[in-house]
Amino acid sequence: MLEFLKRLVGGRADDNEREERGAASDVVGKYFELSDQIQRARAHRNCHDAIAAARQTGPLLRAFVEGCKRDYGEFDMTTSHSVHTAATLMAVIGEPSNPMAQLLE
C-alpha cells in the first residue's frame, strides 16, 4: 500500500515536471525553428520573411531563456538572429524608428 501511495504521489509530480519540460522544449524548438527561418530568408535576401519570423520570436524570448536555464543550467548565448539580425534588417528597409520595440511587442 505504501509503495502504491508513493507511486501515486510521485507519479503526479513526475507528470507535471514532464509537462513543464515538454512545454519548455516546445518553446526552445520553436525558437530555433524561427531562427533557422531568419537565416534562410536572409540568405535569400528576403528581408520581409526574416522580419516576420523575428517578430514571432519576441513573445517566446522569456520562455526560451527560462527553458535553456532549466534544461542546461545556464543561458550562455551571446547573439540571437531574432534580435540582432532582424533589427538591423528592419532599420535597413525602413521599418519604424524603433525596430526592437516591435520585436518585443
N, C-alpha and C. Protein backbone atom coordinates (compact mmCIF):
# COMPACT_ATOMS: atom_id res chain seq x y z
N MET A 1 0.82 -1.18 0.00
CA MET A 1 0.00 0.00 0.00
C MET A 1 0.87 1.26 0.00
N LEU A 2 1.95 1.25 0.80
CA LEU A 2 2.84 2.40 0.88
C LEU A 2 3.49 2.66 -0.48
N GLU A 3 3.91 1.61 -1.17
CA GLU A 3 4.51 1.77 -2.49
C GLU A 3 3.51 2.37 -3.48
N PHE A 4 2.26 1.94 -3.40
CA PHE A 4 1.22 2.47 -4.27
C PHE A 4 1.06 3.98 -4.06
N LEU A 5 1.04 4.41 -2.80
CA LEU A 5 0.89 5.83 -2.48
C LEU A 5 2.10 6.63 -2.96
N LYS A 6 3.29 6.07 -2.80
CA LYS A 6 4.49 6.75 -3.27
C LYS A 6 4.43 6.95 -4.79
N ARG A 7 4.04 5.89 -5.50
CA ARG A 7 3.95 5.99 -6.95
C ARG A 7 2.86 6.98 -7.36
N LEU A 8 1.76 6.95 -6.63
CA LEU A 8 0.65 7.84 -6.93
C LEU A 8 1.07 9.30 -6.78
N VAL A 9 1.66 9.63 -5.66
CA VAL A 9 2.10 11.00 -5.39
C VAL A 9 3.29 11.35 -6.28
N GLY A 10 4.27 10.48 -6.35
CA GLY A 10 5.45 10.72 -7.18
C GLY A 10 5.11 10.80 -8.65
N GLY A 11 4.16 10.00 -9.09
CA GLY A 11 3.77 9.99 -10.49
C GLY A 11 3.21 11.32 -10.92
N ARG A 12 2.41 11.92 -10.10
CA ARG A 12 1.85 13.22 -10.45
C ARG A 12 2.93 14.28 -10.55
N ALA A 13 3.84 14.28 -9.62
CA ALA A 13 4.93 15.26 -9.67
C ALA A 13 5.77 15.03 -10.93
N ASP A 14 6.03 13.76 -11.24
CA ASP A 14 6.80 13.46 -12.44
C ASP A 14 6.06 13.91 -13.70
N ASP A 15 4.74 13.70 -13.73
CA ASP A 15 3.95 14.12 -14.88
C ASP A 15 3.99 15.63 -15.04
N ASN A 16 3.85 16.35 -13.93
CA ASN A 16 3.90 17.81 -14.00
C ASN A 16 5.26 18.28 -14.50
N GLU A 17 6.31 17.66 -13.99
CA GLU A 17 7.66 18.03 -14.42
C GLU A 17 7.85 17.73 -15.90
N ARG A 18 7.35 16.59 -16.36
CA ARG A 18 7.45 16.24 -17.77
C ARG A 18 6.68 17.24 -18.64
N GLU A 19 5.50 17.66 -18.18
CA GLU A 19 4.71 18.63 -18.93
C GLU A 19 5.46 19.96 -19.04
N GLU A 20 6.07 20.40 -17.92
CA GLU A 20 6.83 21.66 -17.93
C GLU A 20 8.02 21.55 -18.88
N ARG A 21 8.73 20.43 -18.81
CA ARG A 21 9.87 20.24 -19.71
C ARG A 21 9.42 20.18 -21.15
N GLY A 22 8.29 19.52 -21.38
CA GLY A 22 7.75 19.44 -22.75
C GLY A 22 7.40 20.81 -23.29
N ALA A 23 6.76 21.63 -22.45
CA ALA A 23 6.41 22.98 -22.88
C ALA A 23 7.66 23.81 -23.14
N ALA A 24 8.66 23.68 -22.25
CA ALA A 24 9.92 24.42 -22.44
C ALA A 24 10.62 23.93 -23.71
N SER A 25 10.62 22.62 -23.93
CA SER A 25 11.26 22.08 -25.13
C SER A 25 10.54 22.55 -26.38
N ASP A 26 9.20 22.66 -26.32
CA ASP A 26 8.45 23.17 -27.46
C ASP A 26 8.85 24.61 -27.78
N VAL A 27 9.01 25.43 -26.75
CA VAL A 27 9.40 26.83 -26.95
C VAL A 27 10.82 26.90 -27.51
N VAL A 28 11.72 26.12 -26.94
CA VAL A 28 13.11 26.12 -27.41
C VAL A 28 13.15 25.65 -28.87
N GLY A 29 12.42 24.59 -29.17
CA GLY A 29 12.37 24.09 -30.54
C GLY A 29 11.79 25.12 -31.51
N LYS A 30 10.71 25.77 -31.11
CA LYS A 30 10.08 26.79 -31.96
C LYS A 30 11.04 27.96 -32.18
N TYR A 31 11.74 28.37 -31.11
CA TYR A 31 12.70 29.47 -31.23
C TYR A 31 13.78 29.15 -32.26
N PHE A 32 14.34 27.94 -32.17
CA PHE A 32 15.40 27.57 -33.11
C PHE A 32 14.85 27.38 -34.52
N GLU A 33 13.63 26.91 -34.65
CA GLU A 33 12.99 26.80 -35.96
C GLU A 33 12.86 28.20 -36.60
N LEU A 34 12.40 29.16 -35.82
CA LEU A 34 12.27 30.53 -36.32
C LEU A 34 13.64 31.13 -36.63
N SER A 35 14.62 30.81 -35.82
CA SER A 35 15.99 31.29 -36.07
C SER A 35 16.49 30.76 -37.41
N ASP A 36 16.21 29.50 -37.70
CA ASP A 36 16.58 28.93 -39.00
C ASP A 36 15.86 29.64 -40.14
N GLN A 37 14.58 29.95 -39.93
CA GLN A 37 13.83 30.67 -40.95
C GLN A 37 14.44 32.04 -41.22
N ILE A 38 14.87 32.72 -40.16
CA ILE A 38 15.50 34.03 -40.31
C ILE A 38 16.78 33.89 -41.14
N GLN A 39 17.60 32.90 -40.81
CA GLN A 39 18.85 32.70 -41.55
C GLN A 39 18.59 32.38 -43.02
N ARG A 40 17.63 31.49 -43.29
CA ARG A 40 17.34 31.14 -44.68
C ARG A 40 16.81 32.34 -45.46
N ALA A 41 15.90 33.09 -44.84
CA ALA A 41 15.34 34.27 -45.52
C ALA A 41 16.43 35.29 -45.79
N ARG A 42 17.29 35.48 -44.83
CA ARG A 42 18.40 36.44 -45.01
C ARG A 42 19.32 35.98 -46.14
N ALA A 43 19.62 34.69 -46.18
CA ALA A 43 20.49 34.16 -47.23
C ALA A 43 19.88 34.37 -48.62
N HIS A 44 18.55 34.35 -48.68
CA HIS A 44 17.85 34.57 -49.96
C HIS A 44 17.49 36.05 -50.16
N ARG A 45 18.03 36.89 -49.30
CA ARG A 45 17.80 38.34 -49.36
C ARG A 45 16.32 38.71 -49.26
N ASN A 46 15.60 37.93 -48.45
CA ASN A 46 14.18 38.18 -48.25
C ASN A 46 13.99 38.81 -46.87
N CYS A 47 14.18 40.10 -46.80
CA CYS A 47 14.12 40.81 -45.52
C CYS A 47 12.75 40.69 -44.86
N HIS A 48 11.70 40.76 -45.65
CA HIS A 48 10.36 40.74 -45.08
C HIS A 48 10.06 39.41 -44.36
N ASP A 49 10.46 38.29 -44.96
CA ASP A 49 10.25 36.99 -44.30
C ASP A 49 11.11 36.86 -43.05
N ALA A 50 12.34 37.36 -43.11
CA ALA A 50 13.22 37.31 -41.94
C ALA A 50 12.61 38.12 -40.79
N ILE A 51 12.09 39.29 -41.10
CA ILE A 51 11.49 40.14 -40.08
C ILE A 51 10.22 39.49 -39.53
N ALA A 52 9.42 38.88 -40.40
CA ALA A 52 8.19 38.22 -39.95
C ALA A 52 8.51 37.09 -38.97
N ALA A 53 9.53 36.30 -39.27
CA ALA A 53 9.93 35.22 -38.35
C ALA A 53 10.46 35.80 -37.05
N ALA A 54 11.22 36.88 -37.14
CA ALA A 54 11.77 37.51 -35.93
C ALA A 54 10.66 38.03 -35.03
N ARG A 55 9.63 38.59 -35.62
CA ARG A 55 8.50 39.10 -34.82
C ARG A 55 7.83 37.97 -34.03
N GLN A 56 7.85 36.77 -34.58
CA GLN A 56 7.25 35.64 -33.88
C GLN A 56 8.10 35.18 -32.69
N THR A 57 9.38 35.50 -32.70
CA THR A 57 10.24 35.07 -31.59
C THR A 57 10.10 35.95 -30.36
N GLY A 58 9.68 37.20 -30.55
CA GLY A 58 9.57 38.13 -29.42
C GLY A 58 8.81 37.56 -28.23
N PRO A 59 7.60 37.06 -28.46
CA PRO A 59 6.83 36.51 -27.33
C PRO A 59 7.45 35.25 -26.72
N LEU A 60 8.37 34.60 -27.43
CA LEU A 60 9.00 33.37 -26.95
C LEU A 60 10.26 33.61 -26.13
N LEU A 61 10.84 34.81 -26.21
CA LEU A 61 12.16 35.05 -25.64
C LEU A 61 12.26 34.71 -24.15
N ARG A 62 11.33 35.19 -23.35
CA ARG A 62 11.40 34.92 -21.90
C ARG A 62 11.34 33.42 -21.62
N ALA A 63 10.38 32.74 -22.23
CA ALA A 63 10.25 31.30 -22.01
C ALA A 63 11.44 30.55 -22.58
N PHE A 64 12.00 31.05 -23.68
CA PHE A 64 13.18 30.42 -24.27
C PHE A 64 14.37 30.48 -23.31
N VAL A 65 14.62 31.65 -22.74
CA VAL A 65 15.72 31.80 -21.79
C VAL A 65 15.50 30.92 -20.57
N GLU A 66 14.29 30.93 -20.04
CA GLU A 66 13.99 30.09 -18.87
C GLU A 66 14.13 28.61 -19.20
N GLY A 67 13.69 28.21 -20.39
CA GLY A 67 13.81 26.81 -20.81
C GLY A 67 15.27 26.39 -20.93
N CYS A 68 16.09 27.25 -21.49
CA CYS A 68 17.53 26.94 -21.61
C CYS A 68 18.16 26.82 -20.22
N LYS A 69 17.81 27.72 -19.34
CA LYS A 69 18.38 27.67 -17.99
C LYS A 69 17.94 26.40 -17.27
N ARG A 70 16.70 26.01 -17.46
CA ARG A 70 16.19 24.80 -16.80
C ARG A 70 16.84 23.56 -17.40
N ASP A 71 16.95 23.51 -18.74
CA ASP A 71 17.48 22.32 -19.41
C ASP A 71 19.00 22.20 -19.33
N TYR A 72 19.71 23.35 -19.36
CA TYR A 72 21.17 23.31 -19.44
C TYR A 72 21.86 23.95 -18.25
N GLY A 73 21.10 24.50 -17.31
CA GLY A 73 21.68 25.08 -16.11
C GLY A 73 22.10 26.52 -16.25
N GLU A 74 22.15 27.02 -17.48
CA GLU A 74 22.52 28.41 -17.70
C GLU A 74 22.06 28.84 -19.09
N PHE A 75 22.09 30.13 -19.30
CA PHE A 75 21.80 30.69 -20.61
C PHE A 75 23.07 31.39 -21.06
N ASP A 76 23.75 30.82 -22.03
CA ASP A 76 25.06 31.36 -22.41
C ASP A 76 25.13 31.81 -23.86
N MET A 77 24.00 32.02 -24.49
CA MET A 77 24.01 32.51 -25.86
C MET A 77 24.40 33.99 -25.86
N THR A 78 25.24 34.36 -26.80
CA THR A 78 25.69 35.75 -26.85
C THR A 78 25.05 36.53 -28.00
N THR A 79 24.38 35.83 -28.90
CA THR A 79 23.73 36.51 -30.01
C THR A 79 22.44 35.79 -30.36
N SER A 80 21.54 36.52 -30.99
CA SER A 80 20.25 35.96 -31.37
C SER A 80 19.89 36.54 -32.74
N HIS A 81 19.58 35.67 -33.68
CA HIS A 81 19.18 36.16 -35.01
C HIS A 81 17.93 37.01 -34.91
N SER A 82 17.03 36.64 -34.03
CA SER A 82 15.78 37.38 -33.92
C SER A 82 16.01 38.80 -33.42
N VAL A 83 17.00 38.99 -32.58
CA VAL A 83 17.26 40.31 -32.02
C VAL A 83 18.26 41.08 -32.87
N HIS A 84 19.39 40.49 -33.17
CA HIS A 84 20.46 41.22 -33.84
C HIS A 84 20.25 41.36 -35.35
N THR A 85 19.99 40.28 -36.03
CA THR A 85 19.85 40.33 -37.48
C THR A 85 18.58 41.05 -37.90
N ALA A 86 17.46 40.68 -37.32
CA ALA A 86 16.19 41.25 -37.75
C ALA A 86 16.10 42.74 -37.46
N ALA A 87 16.61 43.17 -36.32
CA ALA A 87 16.57 44.61 -36.01
C ALA A 87 17.37 45.40 -37.05
N THR A 88 18.49 44.87 -37.47
CA THR A 88 19.30 45.53 -38.50
C THR A 88 18.53 45.57 -39.82
N LEU A 89 17.91 44.45 -40.18
CA LEU A 89 17.14 44.42 -41.43
C LEU A 89 15.98 45.40 -41.39
N MET A 90 15.32 45.49 -40.25
CA MET A 90 14.21 46.42 -40.11
C MET A 90 14.69 47.86 -40.33
N ALA A 91 15.83 48.17 -39.79
CA ALA A 91 16.38 49.52 -39.95
C ALA A 91 16.76 49.77 -41.41
N VAL A 92 17.34 48.77 -42.07
CA VAL A 92 17.79 48.92 -43.45
C VAL A 92 16.61 49.15 -44.39
N ILE A 93 15.53 48.42 -44.21
CA ILE A 93 14.41 48.56 -45.15
C ILE A 93 13.44 49.66 -44.74
N GLY A 94 13.74 50.35 -43.65
CA GLY A 94 12.93 51.50 -43.27
C GLY A 94 11.72 51.18 -42.43
N GLU A 95 11.78 50.11 -41.67
CA GLU A 95 10.71 49.83 -40.72
C GLU A 95 10.69 50.96 -39.69
N PRO A 96 9.70 51.00 -38.82
CA PRO A 96 9.59 52.09 -37.83
C PRO A 96 10.89 52.36 -37.09
N SER A 97 10.99 53.55 -36.54
CA SER A 97 12.23 54.03 -35.96
C SER A 97 12.76 53.22 -34.80
N ASN A 98 11.94 52.46 -34.13
CA ASN A 98 12.40 51.65 -33.02
C ASN A 98 12.11 50.18 -33.31
N PRO A 99 12.94 49.52 -34.13
CA PRO A 99 12.65 48.14 -34.52
C PRO A 99 12.64 47.17 -33.34
N MET A 100 13.44 47.42 -32.30
CA MET A 100 13.47 46.50 -31.16
C MET A 100 12.14 46.50 -30.42
N ALA A 101 11.50 47.64 -30.34
CA ALA A 101 10.21 47.71 -29.66
C ALA A 101 9.20 46.84 -30.39
N GLN A 102 9.27 46.81 -31.70
CA GLN A 102 8.35 45.97 -32.47
C GLN A 102 8.64 44.49 -32.26
N LEU A 103 9.90 44.13 -32.18
CA LEU A 103 10.24 42.73 -31.99
C LEU A 103 9.75 42.22 -30.65
N LEU A 104 9.75 43.07 -29.65
CA LEU A 104 9.42 42.64 -28.29
C LEU A 104 7.97 42.91 -27.91
N GLU A 105 7.15 43.35 -28.84
CA GLU A 105 5.74 43.61 -28.53
C GLU A 105 5.01 42.32 -28.27
